[in-house]
Amino acid sequence: MKKNPILYNTFGKVIKLMRLNKEMTQQELAEGADLSIRYVIAIEKGEQNPTLDVVYSLAKALDTSPSMIWKEVEIRCLSYRLSSDRLGAHPTLLREKAFASTHQRGLLSRWCRF
């Protein structure tokens, strides 16, 4: 099966946003999910494809459900595809534009409804 970097990157962004929304450090998330900090960092960067067990552990540490995580990922991936199809722009530029403002803590509550 072909890897989907957009999915991995989106999943990582969602985990990062949820973590920041809870005002947690990567270390705290790693400890809460019983994972190494290096693995959490790799997930947030979209470099790792976590198993279902890991998704469940992350959700528990973030005090949410795996379905909520996937809902956010699905919404962002759908939004990305619609923007990409409609605008015909370069996918990397669209992804950067879509997530640029989400790094600002003031907008986290607008992007993440937890």
PDB file of N, CA and C in Angstrom:
ATOM      1  N   MET A   1       0.841  -1.180   0.000  1.00  0.00           N
ATOM      2  CA  MET A   1       0.000   0.000   0.000  1.00  0.00           C
ATOM      3  C   MET A   1       0.888   1.245   0.000  1.00  0.00           C
ATOM      4  N   LYS A   2       0.500   2.206  -0.784  1.00  0.00           N
ATOM      5  CA  LYS A   2       1.253   3.458  -0.897  1.00  0.00           C
ATOM      6  C   LYS A   2       1.029   4.323   0.346  1.00  0.00           C
ATOM      7  N   LYS A   3       2.117   4.883   0.871  1.00  0.00           N
ATOM      8  CA  LYS A   3       2.020   5.758   2.039  1.00  0.00           C
ATOM      9  C   LYS A   3       1.380   7.082   1.648  1.00  0.00           C
ATOM     10  N   ASN A   4       0.672   7.666   2.594  1.00  0.00           N
ATOM     11  CA  ASN A   4      -0.007   8.930   2.369  1.00  0.00           C
ATOM     12  C   ASN A   4       0.608   9.993   3.289  1.00  0.00           C
ATOM     13  N   PRO A   5       1.596  10.758   2.802  1.00  0.00           N
ATOM     14  CA  PRO A   5       2.259  11.744   3.669  1.00  0.00           C
ATOM     15  C   PRO A   5       1.316  12.826   4.177  1.00  0.00           C
ATOM     16  N   ILE A   6       0.289  13.146   3.430  1.00  0.00           N
ATOM     17  CA  ILE A   6      -0.666  14.157   3.880  1.00  0.00           C
ATOM     18  C   ILE A   6      -1.386  13.660   5.130  1.00  0.00           C
ATOM     19  N   LEU A   7      -1.757  12.386   5.124  1.00  0.00           N
ATOM     20  CA  LEU A   7      -2.425  11.805   6.287  1.00  0.00           C
ATOM     21  C   LEU A   7      -1.503  11.804   7.501  1.00  0.00           C
ATOM     22  N   TYR A   8      -0.261  11.392   7.327  1.00  0.00           N
ATOM     23  CA  TYR A   8       0.694  11.352   8.444  1.00  0.00           C
ATOM     24  C   TYR A   8       0.938  12.753   8.990  1.00  0.00           C
ATOM     25  N   ASN A   9       1.148  13.718   8.103  1.00  0.00           N
ATOM     26  CA  ASN A   9       1.381  15.098   8.528  1.00  0.00           C
ATOM     27  C   ASN A   9       0.164  15.675   9.239  1.00  0.00           C
ATOM     28  N   THR A  10      -1.008  15.393   8.706  1.00  0.00           N
ATOM     29  CA  THR A  10      -2.238  15.901   9.312  1.00  0.00           C
ATOM     30  C   THR A  10      -2.448  15.288  10.685  1.00  0.00           C
ATOM     31  N   PHE A  11      -2.237  13.976  10.793  1.00  0.00           N
ATOM     32  CA  PHE A  11      -2.376  13.314  12.092  1.00  0.00           C
ATOM     33  C   PHE A  11      -1.418  13.947  13.104  1.00  0.00           C
ATOM     34  N   GLY A  12      -0.192  14.166  12.702  1.00  0.00           N
ATOM     35  CA  GLY A  12       0.792  14.779  13.586  1.00  0.00           C
ATOM     36  C   GLY A  12       0.393  16.179  14.017  1.00  0.00           C
ATOM     37  N   LYS A  13      -0.133  16.965  13.084  1.00  0.00           N
ATOM     38  CA  LYS A  13      -0.572  18.326  13.408  1.00  0.00           C
ATOM     39  C   LYS A  13      -1.723  18.297  14.410  1.00  0.00           C
ATOM     40  N   VAL A  14      -2.656  17.365  14.215  1.00  0.00           N
ATOM     41  CA  VAL A  14      -3.794  17.260  15.128  1.00  0.00           C
ATOM     42  C   VAL A  14      -3.317  16.888  16.531  1.00  0.00           C
ATOM     43  N   ILE A  15      -2.410  15.925  16.627  1.00  0.00           N
ATOM     44  CA  ILE A  15      -1.876  15.539  17.940  1.00  0.00           C
ATOM     45  C   ILE A  15      -1.181  16.729  18.597  1.00  0.00           C
ATOM     46  N   LYS A  16      -0.399  17.454  17.831  1.00  0.00           N
ATOM     47  CA  LYS A  16       0.299  18.618  18.375  1.00  0.00           C
ATOM     48  C   LYS A  16      -0.683  19.685  18.855  1.00  0.00           C
ATOM     49  N   LEU A  17      -1.695  19.974  18.054  1.00  0.00           N
ATOM     50  CA  LEU A  17      -2.681  20.988  18.435  1.00  0.00           C
ATOM     51  C   LEU A  17      -3.453  20.576  19.676  1.00  0.00           C
ATOM     52  N   MET A  18      -3.812  19.303  19.765  1.00  0.00           N
ATOM     53  CA  MET A  18      -4.514  18.821  20.956  1.00  0.00           C
ATOM     54  C   MET A  18      -3.612  18.937  22.189  1.00  0.00           C
ATOM     55  N   ARG A  19      -2.352  18.601  22.018  1.00  0.00           N
ATOM     56  CA  ARG A  19      -1.395  18.697  23.127  1.00  0.00           C
ATOM     57  C   ARG A  19      -1.253  20.154  23.584  1.00  0.00           C
ATOM     58  N   LEU A  20      -1.092  21.065  22.630  1.00  0.00           N
ATOM     59  CA  LEU A  20      -0.957  22.484  22.978  1.00  0.00           C
ATOM     60  C   LEU A  20      -2.237  23.023  23.605  1.00  0.00           C
ATOM     61  N   ASN A  21      -3.369  22.561  23.128  1.00  0.00           N
ATOM     62  CA  ASN A  21      -4.648  22.989  23.682  1.00  0.00           C
ATOM     63  C   ASN A  21      -4.769  22.574  25.149  1.00  0.00           C
ATOM     64  N   LYS A  22      -4.174  21.448  25.492  1.00  0.00           N
ATOM     65  CA  LYS A  22      -4.167  20.968  26.884  1.00  0.00           C
ATOM     66  C   LYS A  22      -2.995  21.537  27.677  1.00  0.00           C
ATOM     67  N   GLU A  23      -2.208  22.400  27.024  1.00  0.00           N
ATOM     68  CA  GLU A  23      -1.033  23.014  27.629  1.00  0.00           C
ATOM     69  C   GLU A  23      -0.073  21.955  28.179  1.00  0.00           C
ATOM     70  N   MET A  24       0.157  20.926  27.377  1.00  0.00           N
ATOM     71  CA  MET A  24       1.069  19.842  27.737  1.00  0.00           C
ATOM     72  C   MET A  24       2.360  19.978  26.944  1.00  0.00           C
ATOM     73  N   THR A  25       3.441  19.524  27.538  1.00  0.00           N
ATOM     74  CA  THR A  25       4.705  19.439  26.811  1.00  0.00           C
ATOM     75  C   THR A  25       4.754  18.089  26.097  1.00  0.00           C
ATOM     76  N   GLN A  26       5.683  17.956  25.176  1.00  0.00           N
ATOM     77  CA  GLN A  26       5.862  16.664  24.511  1.00  0.00           C
ATOM     78  C   GLN A  26       6.263  15.601  25.526  1.00  0.00           C
ATOM     79  N   GLN A  27       7.058  15.980  26.499  1.00  0.00           N
ATOM     80  CA  GLN A  27       7.481  15.048  27.548  1.00  0.00           C
ATOM     81  C   GLN A  27       6.272  14.550  28.347  1.00  0.00           C
ATOM     82  N   GLU A  28       5.385  15.452  28.715  1.00  0.00           N
ATOM     83  CA  GLU A  28       4.187  15.067  29.474  1.00  0.00           C
ATOM     84  C   GLU A  28       3.292  14.138  28.658  1.00  0.00           C
ATOM     85  N   LEU A  29       3.147  14.435  27.379  1.00  0.00           N
ATOM     86  CA  LEU A  29       2.345  13.562  26.519  1.00  0.00           C
ATOM     87  C   LEU A  29       2.986  12.188  26.406  1.00  0.00           C
ATOM     88  N   ALA A  30       4.288  12.166  26.208  1.00  0.00           N
ATOM     89  CA  ALA A  30       5.002  10.891  26.096  1.00  0.00           C
ATOM     90  C   ALA A  30       4.836  10.056  27.361  1.00  0.00           C
ATOM     91  N   GLU A  31       4.989  10.679  28.507  1.00  0.00           N
ATOM     92  CA  GLU A  31       4.836   9.957  29.772  1.00  0.00           C
ATOM     93  C   GLU A  31       3.404   9.475  29.965  1.00  0.00           C
ATOM     94  N   GLY A  32       2.434  10.326  29.645  1.00  0.00           N
ATOM     95  CA  GLY A  32       1.026   9.953  29.796  1.00  0.00           C
ATOM     96  C   GLY A  32       0.599   8.822  28.878  1.00  0.00           C
ATOM     97  N   ALA A  33       1.219   8.758  27.704  1.00  0.00           N
ATOM     98  CA  ALA A  33       0.879   7.720  26.728  1.00  0.00           C
ATOM     99  C   ALA A  33       1.832   6.529  26.813  1.00  0.00           C
ATOM    100  N   ASP A  34       2.786   6.592  27.726  1.00  0.00           N
ATOM    101  CA  ASP A  34       3.796   5.536  27.894  1.00  0.00           C
ATOM    102  C   ASP A  34       4.571   5.304  26.596  1.00  0.00           C
ATOM    103  N   LEU A  35       5.023   6.404  26.002  1.00  0.00           N
ATOM    104  CA  LEU A  35       5.807   6.374  24.770  1.00  0.00           C
ATOM    105  C   LEU A  35       7.109   7.134  24.995  1.00  0.00           C
ATOM    106  N   SER A  36       8.062   6.934  24.116  1.00  0.00           N
ATOM    107  CA  SER A  36       9.290   7.725  24.213  1.00  0.00           C
ATOM    108  C   SER A  36       9.021   9.114  23.637  1.00  0.00           C
ATOM    109  N   ILE A  37       9.750  10.078  24.139  1.00  0.00           N
ATOM    110  CA  ILE A  37       9.577  11.448  23.635  1.00  0.00           C
ATOM    111  C   ILE A  37       9.982  11.531  22.164  1.00  0.00           C
ATOM    112  N   ARG A  38      10.980  10.754  21.771  1.00  0.00           N
ATOM    113  CA  ARG A  38      11.409  10.758  20.365  1.00  0.00           C
ATOM    114  C   ARG A  38      10.286  10.272  19.452  1.00  0.00           C
ATOM    115  N   TYR A  39       9.525   9.283  19.918  1.00  0.00           N
ATOM    116  CA  TYR A  39       8.415   8.756  19.126  1.00  0.00           C
ATOM    117  C   TYR A  39       7.299   9.794  19.007  1.00  0.00           C
ATOM    118  N   VAL A  40       7.002  10.493  20.103  1.00  0.00           N
ATOM    119  CA  VAL A  40       5.982  11.544  20.072  1.00  0.00           C
ATOM    120  C   VAL A  40       6.399  12.657  19.114  1.00  0.00           C
ATOM    121  N   ILE A  41       7.649  13.055  19.169  1.00  0.00           N
ATOM    122  CA  ILE A  41       8.149  14.085  18.261  1.00  0.00           C
ATOM    123  C   ILE A  41       8.010  13.635  16.808  1.00  0.00           C
ATOM    124  N   ALA A  42       8.368  12.378  16.530  1.00  0.00           N
ATOM    125  CA  ALA A  42       8.272  11.846  15.167  1.00  0.00           C
ATOM    126  C   ALA A  42       6.818  11.796  14.694  1.00  0.00           C
ATOM    127  N   ILE A  43       5.897  11.456  15.591  1.00  0.00           N
ATOM    128  CA  ILE A  43       4.475  11.446  15.232  1.00  0.00           C
ATOM    129  C   ILE A  43       4.027  12.855  14.885  1.00  0.00           C
ATOM    130  N   GLU A  44       4.369  13.817  15.719  1.00  0.00           N
ATOM    131  CA  GLU A  44       3.963  15.207  15.477  1.00  0.00           C
ATOM    132  C   GLU A  44       4.547  15.766  14.186  1.00  0.00           C
ATOM    133  N   LYS A  45       5.699  15.282  13.780  1.00  0.00           N
ATOM    134  CA  LYS A  45       6.316  15.719  12.523  1.00  0.00           C
ATOM    135  C   LYS A  45       5.766  14.962  11.316  1.00  0.00           C
ATOM    136  N   GLY A  46       4.943  13.941  11.551  1.00  0.00           N
ATOM    137  CA  GLY A  46       4.406  13.149  10.453  1.00  0.00           C
ATOM    138  C   GLY A  46       5.381  12.110   9.937  1.00  0.00           C
ATOM    139  N   GLU A  47       6.389  11.785  10.732  1.00  0.00           N
ATOM    140  CA  GLU A  47       7.417  10.831  10.312  1.00  0.00           C
ATOM    141  C   GLU A  47       7.106   9.395  10.735  1.00  0.00           C
ATOM    142  N   GLN A  48       6.138   9.212  11.607  1.00  0.00           N
ATOM    143  CA  GLN A  48       5.775   7.876  12.082  1.00  0.00           C
ATOM    144  C   GLN A  48       4.308   7.602  11.811  1.00  0.00           C
ATOM    145  N   ASN A  49       4.019   6.347  11.577  1.00  0.00           N
ATOM    146  CA  ASN A  49       2.655   5.879  11.373  1.00  0.00           C
ATOM    147  C   ASN A  49       2.268   5.070  12.613  1.00  0.00           C
ATOM    148  N   PRO A  50       1.597   5.697  13.587  1.00  0.00           N
ATOM    149  CA  PRO A  50       1.311   4.999  14.833  1.00  0.00           C
ATOM    150  C   PRO A  50       0.277   3.887  14.667  1.00  0.00           C
ATOM    151  N   THR A  51       0.421   2.865  15.500  1.00  0.00           N
ATOM    152  CA  THR A  51      -0.537   1.759  15.504  1.00  0.00           C
ATOM    153  C   THR A  51      -1.816   2.198  16.213  1.00  0.00           C
ATOM    154  N   LEU A  52      -2.833   1.371  16.141  1.00  0.00           N
ATOM    155  CA  LEU A  52      -4.085   1.676  16.840  1.00  0.00           C
ATOM    156  C   LEU A  52      -3.868   1.747  18.346  1.00  0.00           C
ATOM    157  N   ASP A  53      -3.002   0.881  18.873  1.00  0.00           N
ATOM    158  CA  ASP A  53      -2.690   0.927  20.303  1.00  0.00           C
ATOM    159  C   ASP A  53      -2.085   2.270  20.694  1.00  0.00           C
ATOM    160  N   VAL A  54      -1.219   2.797  19.854  1.00  0.00           N
ATOM    161  CA  VAL A  54      -0.578   4.087  20.129  1.00  0.00           C
ATOM    162  C   VAL A  54      -1.604   5.213  20.044  1.00  0.00           C
ATOM    163  N   VAL A  55      -2.486   5.162  19.055  1.00  0.00           N
ATOM    164  CA  VAL A  55      -3.536   6.186  18.941  1.00  0.00           C
ATOM    165  C   VAL A  55      -4.404   6.176  20.190  1.00  0.00           C
ATOM    166  N   TYR A  56      -4.750   4.999  20.665  1.00  0.00           N
ATOM    167  CA  TYR A  56      -5.557   4.884  21.877  1.00  0.00           C
ATOM    168  C   TYR A  56      -4.807   5.474  23.078  1.00  0.00           C
ATOM    169  N   SER A  57      -3.510   5.167  23.200  1.00  0.00           N
ATOM    170  CA  SER A  57      -2.701   5.697  24.301  1.00  0.00           C
ATOM    171  C   SER A  57      -2.595   7.216  24.234  1.00  0.00           C
ATOM    172  N   LEU A  58      -2.410   7.746  23.038  1.00  0.00           N
ATOM    173  CA  LEU A  58      -2.347   9.201  22.869  1.00  0.00           C
ATOM    174  C   LEU A  58      -3.673   9.849  23.253  1.00  0.00           C
ATOM    175  N   ALA A  59      -4.763   9.243  22.821  1.00  0.00           N
ATOM    176  CA  ALA A  59      -6.088   9.782  23.140  1.00  0.00           C
ATOM    177  C   ALA A  59      -6.315   9.797  24.649  1.00  0.00           C
ATOM    178  N   LYS A  60      -5.946   8.725  25.295  1.00  0.00           N
ATOM    179  CA  LYS A  60      -6.113   8.650  26.752  1.00  0.00           C
ATOM    180  C   LYS A  60      -5.277   9.725  27.448  1.00  0.00           C
ATOM    181  N   ALA A  61      -4.042   9.898  27.006  1.00  0.00           N
ATOM    182  CA  ALA A  61      -3.161  10.912  27.603  1.00  0.00           C
ATOM    183  C   ALA A  61      -3.678  12.326  27.349  1.00  0.00           C
ATOM    184  N   LEU A  62      -4.357  12.519  26.221  1.00  0.00           N
ATOM    185  CA  LEU A  62      -4.909  13.829  25.868  1.00  0.00           C
ATOM    186  C   LEU A  62      -6.328  14.025  26.398  1.00  0.00           C
ATOM    187  N   ASP A  63      -6.819  13.041  27.133  1.00  0.00           N
ATOM    188  CA  ASP A  63      -8.168  13.095  27.709  1.00  0.00           C
ATOM    189  C   ASP A  63      -9.235  13.305  26.635  1.00  0.00           C
ATOM    190  N   THR A  64      -9.127  12.512  25.582  1.00  0.00           N
ATOM    191  CA  THR A  64     -10.097  12.543  24.496  1.00  0.00           C
ATOM    192  C   THR A  64     -10.295  11.118  24.002  1.00  0.00           C
ATOM    193  N   SER A  65     -10.992  10.954  22.916  1.00  0.00           N
ATOM    194  CA  SER A  65     -11.216   9.622  22.356  1.00  0.00           C
ATOM    195  C   SER A  65     -10.478   9.484  21.027  1.00  0.00           C
ATOM    196  N   PRO A  66     -10.136   8.257  20.658  1.00  0.00           N
ATOM    197  CA  PRO A  66      -9.522   8.061  19.339  1.00  0.00           C
ATOM    198  C   PRO A  66     -10.428   8.563  18.211  1.00  0.00           C
ATOM    199  N   SER A  67     -11.738   8.418  18.393  1.00  0.00           N
ATOM    200  CA  SER A  67     -12.658   8.875  17.344  1.00  0.00           C
ATOM    201  C   SER A  67     -12.611  10.386  17.167  1.00  0.00           C
ATOM    202  N   MET A  68     -12.381  11.126  18.255  1.00  0.00           N
ATOM    203  CA  MET A  68     -12.264  12.583  18.153  1.00  0.00           C
ATOM    204  C   MET A  68     -10.998  12.955  17.389  1.00  0.00           C
ATOM    205  N   ILE A  69      -9.920  12.228  17.651  1.00  0.00           N
ATOM    206  CA  ILE A  69      -8.675  12.478  16.912  1.00  0.00           C
ATOM    207  C   ILE A  69      -8.906  12.249  15.428  1.00  0.00           C
ATOM    208  N   TRP A  70      -9.503  11.104  15.091  1.00  0.00           N
ATOM    209  CA  TRP A  70      -9.725  10.787  13.679  1.00  0.00           C
ATOM    210  C   TRP A  70     -10.707  11.744  13.021  1.00  0.00           C
ATOM    211  N   LYS A  71     -11.671  12.226  13.789  1.00  0.00           N
ATOM    212  CA  LYS A  71     -12.623  13.204  13.241  1.00  0.00           C
ATOM    213  C   LYS A  71     -11.887  14.471  12.811  1.00  0.00           C
ATOM    214  N   GLU A  72     -10.991  14.955  13.671  1.00  0.00           N
ATOM    215  CA  GLU A  72     -10.210  16.144  13.337  1.00  0.00           C
ATOM    216  C   GLU A  72      -9.304  15.899  12.129  1.00  0.00           C
ATOM    217  N   VAL A  73      -8.689  14.726  12.089  1.00  0.00           N
ATOM    218  CA  VAL A  73      -7.826  14.379  10.948  1.00  0.00           C
ATOM    219  C   VAL A  73      -8.650  14.350   9.670  1.00  0.00           C
ATOM    220  N   GLU A  74      -9.815  13.717   9.730  1.00  0.00           N
ATOM    221  CA  GLU A  74     -10.675  13.607   8.549  1.00  0.00           C
ATOM    222  C   GLU A  74     -11.127  14.978   8.056  1.00  0.00           C
ATOM    223  N   ILE A  75     -11.518  15.838   8.968  1.00  0.00           N
ATOM    224  CA  ILE A  75     -11.959  17.188   8.590  1.00  0.00           C
ATOM    225  C   ILE A  75     -10.828  17.944   7.894  1.00  0.00           C
ATOM    226  N   ARG A  76      -9.631  17.857   8.455  1.00  0.00           N
ATOM    227  CA  ARG A  76      -8.496  18.581   7.876  1.00  0.00           C
ATOM    228  C   ARG A  76      -8.071  17.998   6.532  1.00  0.00           C
ATOM    229  N   CYS A  77      -8.103  16.672   6.414  1.00  0.00           N
ATOM    230  CA  CYS A  77      -7.746  16.053   5.134  1.00  0.00           C
ATOM    231  C   CYS A  77      -8.772  16.387   4.058  1.00  0.00           C
ATOM    232  N   LEU A  78     -10.043  16.380   4.409  1.00  0.00           N
ATOM    233  CA  LEU A  78     -11.089  16.734   3.460  1.00  0.00           C
ATOM    234  C   LEU A  78     -10.946  18.186   3.032  1.00  0.00           C
ATOM    235  N   SER A  79     -10.692  19.060   3.993  1.00  0.00           N
ATOM    236  CA  SER A  79     -10.496  20.470   3.684  1.00  0.00           C
ATOM    237  C   SER A  79      -9.302  20.661   2.756  1.00  0.00           C
ATOM    238  N   TYR A  80      -8.232  19.923   3.025  1.00  0.00           N
ATOM    239  CA  TYR A  80      -7.029  19.999   2.195  1.00  0.00           C
ATOM    240  C   TYR A  80      -7.334  19.543   0.772  1.00  0.00           C
ATOM    241  N   ARG A  81      -8.042  18.420   0.626  1.00  0.00           N
ATOM    242  CA  ARG A  81      -8.370  17.910  -0.719  1.00  0.00           C
ATOM    243  C   ARG A  81      -9.253  18.877  -1.472  1.00  0.00           C
ATOM    244  N   LEU A  82     -10.259  19.447  -0.797  1.00  0.00           N
ATOM    245  CA  LEU A  82     -11.144  20.401  -1.465  1.00  0.00           C
ATOM    246  C   LEU A  82     -10.372  21.630  -1.927  1.00  0.00           C
ATOM    247  N   SER A  83      -9.490  22.134  -1.084  1.00  0.00           N
ATOM    248  CA  SER A  83      -8.690  23.303  -1.457  1.00  0.00           C
ATOM    249  C   SER A  83      -7.768  22.973  -2.619  1.00  0.00           C
ATOM    250  N   SER A  84      -7.167  21.813  -2.562  1.00  0.00           N
ATOM    251  CA  SER A  84      -6.232  21.393  -3.598  1.00  0.00           C
ATOM    252  C   SER A  84      -6.948  21.216  -4.937  1.00  0.00           C
ATOM    253  N   ASP A  85      -8.113  20.569  -4.908  1.00  0.00           N
ATOM    254  CA  ASP A  85      -8.870  20.333  -6.140  1.00  0.00           C
ATOM    255  C   ASP A  85      -9.399  21.637  -6.736  1.00  0.00           C
ATOM    256  N   ARG A  86      -9.930  22.486  -5.879  1.00  0.00           N
ATOM    257  CA  ARG A  86     -10.566  23.702  -6.346  1.00  0.00           C
ATOM    258  C   ARG A  86      -9.556  24.715  -6.857  1.00  0.00           C
ATOM    259  N   LEU A  87      -8.464  24.855  -6.134  1.00  0.00           N
ATOM    260  CA  LEU A  87      -7.502  25.896  -6.472  1.00  0.00           C
ATOM    261  C   LEU A  87      -6.427  25.431  -7.436  1.00  0.00           C
ATOM    262  N   GLY A  88      -6.178  24.126  -7.470  1.00  0.00           N
ATOM    263  CA  GLY A  88      -5.137  23.601  -8.334  1.00  0.00           C
ATOM    264  C   GLY A  88      -3.756  24.086  -7.946  1.00  0.00           C
ATOM    265  N   ALA A  89      -3.601  24.470  -6.692  1.00  0.00           N
ATOM    266  CA  ALA A  89      -2.313  24.982  -6.227  1.00  0.00           C
ATOM    267  C   ALA A  89      -1.400  23.847  -5.799  1.00  0.00           C
ATOM    268  N   HIS A  90      -0.165  24.179  -5.557  1.00  0.00           N
ATOM    269  CA  HIS A  90       0.820  23.202  -5.117  1.00  0.00           C
ATOM    270  C   HIS A  90       0.429  22.682  -3.727  1.00  0.00           C
ATOM    271  N   PRO A  91       0.335  21.364  -3.529  1.00  0.00           N
ATOM    272  CA  PRO A  91      -0.123  20.804  -2.256  1.00  0.00           C
ATOM    273  C   PRO A  91       0.671  21.265  -1.033  1.00  0.00           C
ATOM    274  N   THR A  92       1.974  21.399  -1.157  1.00  0.00           N
ATOM    275  CA  THR A  92       2.781  21.820  -0.015  1.00  0.00           C
ATOM    276  C   THR A  92       2.429  23.230   0.408  1.00  0.00           C
ATOM    277  N   LEU A  93       2.230  24.109  -0.548  1.00  0.00           N
ATOM    278  CA  LEU A  93       1.875  25.487  -0.223  1.00  0.00           C
ATOM    279  C   LEU A  93       0.518  25.552   0.448  1.00  0.00           C
ATOM    280  N   LEU A  94      -0.429  24.752  -0.035  1.00  0.00           N
ATOM    281  CA  LEU A  94      -1.752  24.735   0.574  1.00  0.00           C
ATOM    282  C   LEU A  94      -1.681  24.231   2.010  1.00  0.00           C
ATOM    283  N   ARG A  95      -0.907  23.176   2.240  1.00  0.00           N
ATOM    284  CA  ARG A  95      -0.787  22.619   3.583  1.00  0.00           C
ATOM    285  C   ARG A  95      -0.178  23.650   4.527  1.00  0.00           C
ATOM    286  N   GLU A  96       0.874  24.334   4.064  1.00  0.00           N
ATOM    287  CA  GLU A  96       1.504  25.350   4.904  1.00  0.00           C
ATOM    288  C   GLU A  96       0.534  26.481   5.203  1.00  0.00           C
ATOM    289  N   LYS A  97      -0.245  26.883   4.218  1.00  0.00           N
ATOM    290  CA  LYS A  97      -1.213  27.957   4.422  1.00  0.00           C
ATOM    291  C   LYS A  97      -2.304  27.517   5.397  1.00  0.00           C
ATOM    292  N   ALA A  98      -2.769  26.276   5.245  1.00  0.00           N
ATOM    293  CA  ALA A  98      -3.848  25.775   6.093  1.00  0.00           C
ATOM    294  C   ALA A  98      -3.437  25.691   7.551  1.00  0.00           C
ATOM    295  N   PHE A  99      -2.175  25.365   7.815  1.00  0.00           N
ATOM    296  CA  PHE A  99      -1.745  25.161   9.188  1.00  0.00           C
ATOM    297  C   PHE A  99      -0.926  26.307   9.758  1.00  0.00           C
ATOM    298  N   ALA A 100      -0.631  27.324   8.960  1.00  0.00           N
ATOM    299  CA  ALA A 100       0.230  28.407   9.434  1.00  0.00           C
ATOM    300  C   ALA A 100      -0.356  29.101  10.653  1.00  0.00           C
ATOM    301  N   SER A 101      -1.627  29.445  10.602  1.00  0.00           N
ATOM    302  CA  SER A 101      -2.214  30.197  11.705  1.00  0.00           C
ATOM    303  C   SER A 101      -2.538  29.317  12.903  1.00  0.00           C
ATOM    304  N   THR A 102      -2.577  28.005  12.721  1.00  0.00           N
ATOM    305  CA  THR A 102      -2.919  27.134  13.839  1.00  0.00           C
ATOM    306  C   THR A 102      -1.808  27.060  14.870  1.00  0.00           C
ATOM    307  N   HIS A 103      -0.620  27.519  14.526  1.00  0.00           N
ATOM    308  CA  HIS A 103       0.470  27.504  15.480  1.00  0.00           C
ATOM    309  C   HIS A 103       0.326  28.627  16.505  1.00  0.00           C
ATOM    310  N   GLN A 104      -0.518  29.549  16.231  1.00  0.00           N
ATOM    311  CA  GLN A 104      -0.725  30.641  17.177  1.00  0.00           C
ATOM    312  C   GLN A 104      -1.710  30.173  18.244  1.00  0.00           C
ATOM    313  N   ARG A 105      -1.293  30.237  19.491  1.00  0.00           N
ATOM    314  CA  ARG A 105      -2.110  29.722  20.578  1.00  0.00           C
ATOM    315  C   ARG A 105      -3.489  30.385  20.643  1.00  0.00           C
ATOM    316  N   GLY A 106      -3.608  31.619  20.253  1.00  0.00           N
ATOM    317  CA  GLY A 106      -4.887  32.305  20.327  1.00  0.00           C
ATOM    318  C   GLY A 106      -5.955  31.703  19.433  1.00  0.00           C
ATOM    319  N   LEU A 107      -5.552  30.983  18.391  1.00  0.00           N
ATOM    320  CA  LEU A 107      -6.512  30.409  17.460  1.00  0.00           C
ATOM    321  C   LEU A 107      -6.778  28.922  17.709  1.00  0.00           C
ATOM    322  N   LEU A 108      -6.101  28.344  18.677  1.00  0.00           N
ATOM    323  CA  LEU A 108      -6.257  26.909  18.910  1.00  0.00           C
ATOM    324  C   LEU A 108      -7.703  26.526  19.197  1.00  0.00           C
ATOM    325  N   SER A 109      -8.387  27.316  19.998  1.00  0.00           N
ATOM    326  CA  SER A 109      -9.756  26.949  20.348  1.00  0.00           C
ATOM    327  C   SER A 109     -10.675  26.996  19.131  1.00  0.00           C
ATOM    328  N   ARG A 110     -10.362  27.860  18.177  1.00  0.00           N
ATOM    329  CA  ARG A 110     -11.188  27.945  16.975  1.00  0.00           C
ATOM    330  C   ARG A 110     -10.970  26.727  16.085  1.00  0.00           C
ATOM    331  N   TRP A 111      -9.727  26.246  15.997  1.00  0.00           N
ATOM    332  CA  TRP A 111      -9.412  25.125  15.129  1.00  0.00           C
ATOM    333  C   TRP A 111      -9.746  23.789  15.769  1.00  0.00           C
ATOM    334  N   CYS A 112      -9.627  23.706  17.069  1.00  0.00           N
ATOM    335  CA  CYS A 112      -9.802  22.422  17.758  1.00  0.00           C
ATOM    336  C   CYS A 112     -10.971  22.529  18.723  1.00  0.00           C
ATOM    337  N   ARG A 113     -12.011  21.850  18.419  1.00  0.00           N
ATOM    338  CA  ARG A 113     -13.195  21.854  19.296  1.00  0.00           C
ATOM    339  C   ARG A 113     -13.161  20.577  20.117  1.00  0.00           C
ATOM    340  N   PHE A 114     -12.574  20.678  21.301  1.00  0.00           N
ATOM    341  CA  PHE A 114     -12.457  19.487  22.157  1.00  0.00           C
ATOM    342  C   PHE A 114     -13.332  19.645  23.359  1.00  0.00           C
TER     343      PHE A 114
END
